[in-house]
Amino acid sequence: MVKDSHLIKQLQIKYQSLSEYLTANFLLNKNSLHGPLHWKNVFKNGFEIAKSNSEIDLELVYLFSIIHDSKRENESIDSEHGARAANSLSLLTKLKLIDLNQNNFNLLEYAIRFHEKGKISNDINIGCCWDSDRLDLFRVGIIPSKEYLSTNEGKIILKNRLEDLNLIDLSDDNYFNSID
């Protein structure tokens, strides 16, 4: 766990300027349901998923977590916020707040652009990003659905949270029979 804590600290330090920039330019209240506290929870979820899968690029998950909702213009329906956030990646690169190789840039751009469209992904990094966001839907009174989770790790986390909240019958094995 010390190694994990060290990695998280490194990411926070590396992207401190980015985080400050996004927070300063966030149009909604800093206590918004889609603001910095949500971004932090999304990363916590992504980190929890990544602990079970070494193929997940934690840096991509971190960047997704702090950028994906940064261009929201309201708290309710804002169907273009993903596209606006994805489009901001070029500016963030120009400002030297992020520096990614082309493949990681493309993965991050796709994950951000389509995160609220209800898709799932076979790409472990995109799936982790989307699952980490969807696992925080509880904050707005929505119980996430396993059908919209891409990773087995995300489905297991959801199952555990639902069990902890007594929202599923523990004797119903059929509820999560799709977990590998």
Protein backbone atom coordinates (compact mmCIF):
# COMPACT_ATOMS: atom_id res chain seq x y z
CA MET A 1 0.00 0.00 0.00
CA VAL A 2 2.96 2.34 0.57
CA LYS A 3 3.87 1.96 -3.11
CA ASP A 4 0.25 2.79 -4.05
CA SER A 5 0.23 5.88 -1.82
CA HIS A 6 3.52 6.98 -3.36
CA LEU A 7 2.12 6.64 -6.90
CA ILE A 8 -0.99 8.64 -6.02
CA LYS A 9 1.15 11.37 -4.49
CA GLN A 10 3.34 11.47 -7.61
CA LEU A 11 0.27 11.93 -9.83
CA GLN A 12 -1.11 14.67 -7.57
CA ILE A 13 2.21 16.53 -7.67
CA LYS A 14 2.72 16.04 -11.43
CA TYR A 15 -0.76 17.34 -12.21
CA GLN A 16 -1.19 19.92 -9.45
CA SER A 17 -1.12 22.80 -11.95
CA LEU A 18 -3.67 21.02 -14.15
CA SER A 19 -5.97 20.41 -11.19
CA GLU A 20 -5.70 24.04 -10.08
CA TYR A 21 -6.37 25.26 -13.63
CA LEU A 22 -9.44 23.04 -14.04
CA THR A 23 -10.83 24.01 -10.64
CA ALA A 24 -10.27 27.74 -11.27
CA ASN A 25 -12.00 27.49 -14.67
CA PHE A 26 -14.87 25.25 -13.56
CA LEU A 27 -18.11 27.14 -14.31
CA LEU A 28 -20.19 25.52 -11.59
CA ASN A 29 -19.89 25.93 -7.84
CA LYS A 30 -16.82 24.20 -6.39
CA ASN A 31 -19.23 22.09 -4.29
CA SER A 32 -21.10 20.98 -7.42
CA LEU A 33 -22.25 17.39 -7.73
CA HIS A 34 -19.94 17.26 -10.76
CA GLY A 35 -17.04 19.22 -9.29
CA PRO A 36 -13.72 18.53 -7.58
CA LEU A 37 -15.13 16.22 -4.88
CA HIS A 38 -16.71 14.06 -7.60
CA TRP A 39 -13.42 14.09 -9.53
CA LYS A 40 -11.65 12.83 -6.42
CA ASN A 41 -14.23 10.06 -5.91
CA VAL A 42 -13.92 9.00 -9.55
CA PHE A 43 -10.18 8.59 -9.09
CA LYS A 44 -10.69 6.61 -5.88
CA ASN A 45 -13.01 4.28 -7.78
CA GLY A 46 -10.54 3.98 -10.65
CA PHE A 47 -7.73 3.26 -8.23
CA GLU A 48 -9.82 0.55 -6.57
CA ILE A 49 -10.48 -1.04 -9.97
CA ALA A 50 -6.81 -0.75 -10.98
CA LYS A 51 -5.62 -2.56 -7.84
CA SER A 52 -7.00 -5.75 -9.37
CA ASN A 53 -5.67 -5.22 -12.88
CA SER A 54 -2.06 -4.23 -13.58
CA GLU A 55 -2.90 -3.46 -17.25
CA ILE A 56 -4.73 -0.29 -16.23
CA ASP A 57 -2.79 2.93 -16.75
CA LEU A 58 -3.42 4.83 -13.52
CA GLU A 59 -2.17 8.08 -15.03
CA LEU A 60 -4.92 7.93 -17.69
CA VAL A 61 -7.50 7.20 -15.01
CA TYR A 62 -6.27 10.13 -12.95
CA LEU A 63 -6.41 12.50 -15.92
CA PHE A 64 -9.87 11.25 -16.84
CA SER A 65 -11.09 11.77 -13.30
CA ILE A 66 -10.14 15.44 -13.14
CA ILE A 67 -10.99 16.41 -16.74
CA HIS A 68 -14.16 14.47 -17.68
CA ASP A 69 -16.72 16.81 -16.04
CA SER A 70 -14.58 19.95 -15.99
CA LYS A 71 -16.54 21.61 -18.81
CA ARG A 72 -20.02 21.07 -17.41
CA GLU A 73 -22.28 24.10 -17.73
CA ASN A 74 -25.09 22.90 -15.45
CA GLU A 75 -25.95 20.23 -12.90
CA SER A 76 -28.59 18.42 -14.93
CA ILE A 77 -28.68 17.49 -18.60
CA ASP A 78 -25.58 18.75 -20.39
CA SER A 79 -25.18 16.38 -23.30
CA GLU A 80 -22.15 18.17 -24.74
CA HIS A 81 -19.98 18.40 -21.64
CA GLY A 82 -17.98 15.31 -22.60
CA ALA A 83 -17.25 16.72 -26.04
CA ARG A 84 -16.26 20.10 -24.57
CA ALA A 85 -13.92 18.43 -22.08
CA ALA A 86 -12.42 16.21 -24.79
CA ASN A 87 -11.91 19.24 -27.04
CA SER A 88 -10.08 21.01 -24.20
CA LEU A 89 -7.27 18.42 -24.25
CA SER A 90 -5.48 20.22 -27.08
CA LEU A 91 -5.45 23.46 -25.09
CA LEU A 92 -4.29 21.63 -21.95
CA THR A 93 -1.45 20.17 -24.02
CA LYS A 94 -0.59 23.57 -25.49
CA LEU A 95 -0.50 25.03 -21.97
CA LYS A 96 1.86 22.17 -21.02
CA LEU A 97 -0.54 20.96 -18.33
CA ILE A 98 -0.57 17.49 -19.89
CA ASP A 99 1.98 15.72 -22.05
CA LEU A 100 0.83 12.38 -23.44
CA ASN A 101 1.98 10.21 -26.30
CA GLN A 102 -0.48 10.06 -29.20
CA ASN A 103 -1.96 6.69 -28.20
CA ASN A 104 -2.70 7.78 -24.62
CA PHE A 105 -4.01 11.14 -25.83
CA ASN A 106 -6.42 9.31 -28.16
CA LEU A 107 -7.56 6.92 -25.41
CA LEU A 108 -8.14 9.78 -22.98
CA GLU A 109 -9.93 11.86 -25.59
CA TYR A 110 -12.29 8.98 -26.44
CA ALA A 111 -12.94 8.11 -22.79
CA ILE A 112 -13.82 11.71 -21.97
CA ARG A 113 -15.84 12.42 -25.13
CA PHE A 114 -18.14 9.42 -24.70
CA HIS A 115 -18.20 8.91 -20.91
CA GLU A 116 -21.82 9.97 -20.47
CA LYS A 117 -23.21 8.22 -23.55
CA GLY A 118 -24.04 4.91 -21.83
CA LYS A 119 -21.48 2.85 -23.73
CA ILE A 120 -19.28 0.08 -22.41
CA SER A 121 -15.79 -0.69 -23.68
CA ASN A 122 -13.56 -3.70 -24.16
CA ASP A 123 -10.51 -1.47 -23.73
CA ILE A 124 -9.47 -1.91 -20.09
CA ASN A 125 -8.41 1.74 -19.65
CA ILE A 126 -11.53 3.25 -21.19
CA GLY A 127 -13.68 0.75 -19.30
CA CYS A 128 -11.96 1.61 -16.03
CA CYS A 129 -12.54 5.33 -16.62
CA TRP A 130 -16.22 4.88 -17.40
CA ASP A 131 -16.78 2.44 -14.53
CA SER A 132 -15.03 4.74 -12.05
CA ASP A 133 -17.42 7.55 -13.00
CA ARG A 134 -20.53 5.35 -12.97
CA LEU A 135 -19.64 3.90 -9.58
CA ASP A 136 -20.10 7.43 -8.19
CA LEU A 137 -23.70 7.74 -9.41
CA PHE A 138 -24.90 7.02 -5.87
CA ARG A 139 -24.10 10.68 -5.08
CA VAL A 140 -26.99 11.81 -7.32
CA GLY A 141 -29.43 9.15 -6.11
CA ILE A 142 -28.87 6.73 -8.99
CA ILE A 143 -28.02 3.10 -8.35
CA PRO A 144 -25.48 2.09 -11.02
CA SER A 145 -26.42 -0.84 -13.24
CA LYS A 146 -24.01 -3.66 -13.94
CA GLU A 147 -25.12 -3.56 -17.59
CA TYR A 148 -23.32 -0.23 -17.93
CA LEU A 149 -20.06 -1.39 -16.36
CA SER A 150 -17.23 -2.50 -18.61
CA THR A 151 -14.90 -4.25 -16.18
CA ASN A 152 -15.38 -7.28 -13.99
CA GLU A 153 -13.55 -5.34 -11.27
CA GLY A 154 -16.16 -2.58 -11.48
CA LYS A 155 -19.00 -5.11 -11.30
CA ILE A 156 -17.49 -6.69 -8.20
CA ILE A 157 -17.13 -3.28 -6.53
CA LEU A 158 -20.76 -2.50 -7.39
CA LYS A 159 -21.90 -5.87 -6.02
CA ASN A 160 -20.03 -5.23 -2.76
CA ARG A 161 -21.48 -1.74 -2.40
CA LEU A 162 -25.01 -2.95 -3.07
CA GLU A 163 -24.55 -5.71 -0.51
CA ASP A 164 -23.18 -3.20 2.03
CA LEU A 165 -26.27 -1.03 1.50
CA ASN A 166 -28.60 -4.07 1.65
CA LEU A 167 -29.84 -3.24 -1.85
CA ILE A 168 -29.52 -6.76 -3.21
CA ASP A 169 -30.51 -10.11 -1.85
CA LEU A 170 -27.27 -11.87 -0.99
CA SER A 171 -28.90 -15.20 -1.77
CA ASP A 172 -29.66 -14.16 -5.37
CA ASP A 173 -26.65 -15.51 -7.26
CA ASN A 174 -28.25 -14.68 -10.62
CA TYR A 175 -27.86 -10.94 -10.10
CA PHE A 176 -24.15 -11.01 -10.85
CA ASN A 177 -23.73 -14.20 -12.83
CA SER A 178 -22.04 -12.20 -15.64
CA ILE A 179 -18.91 -11.61 -13.57
CA ASP A 180 -16.05 -13.75 -14.83
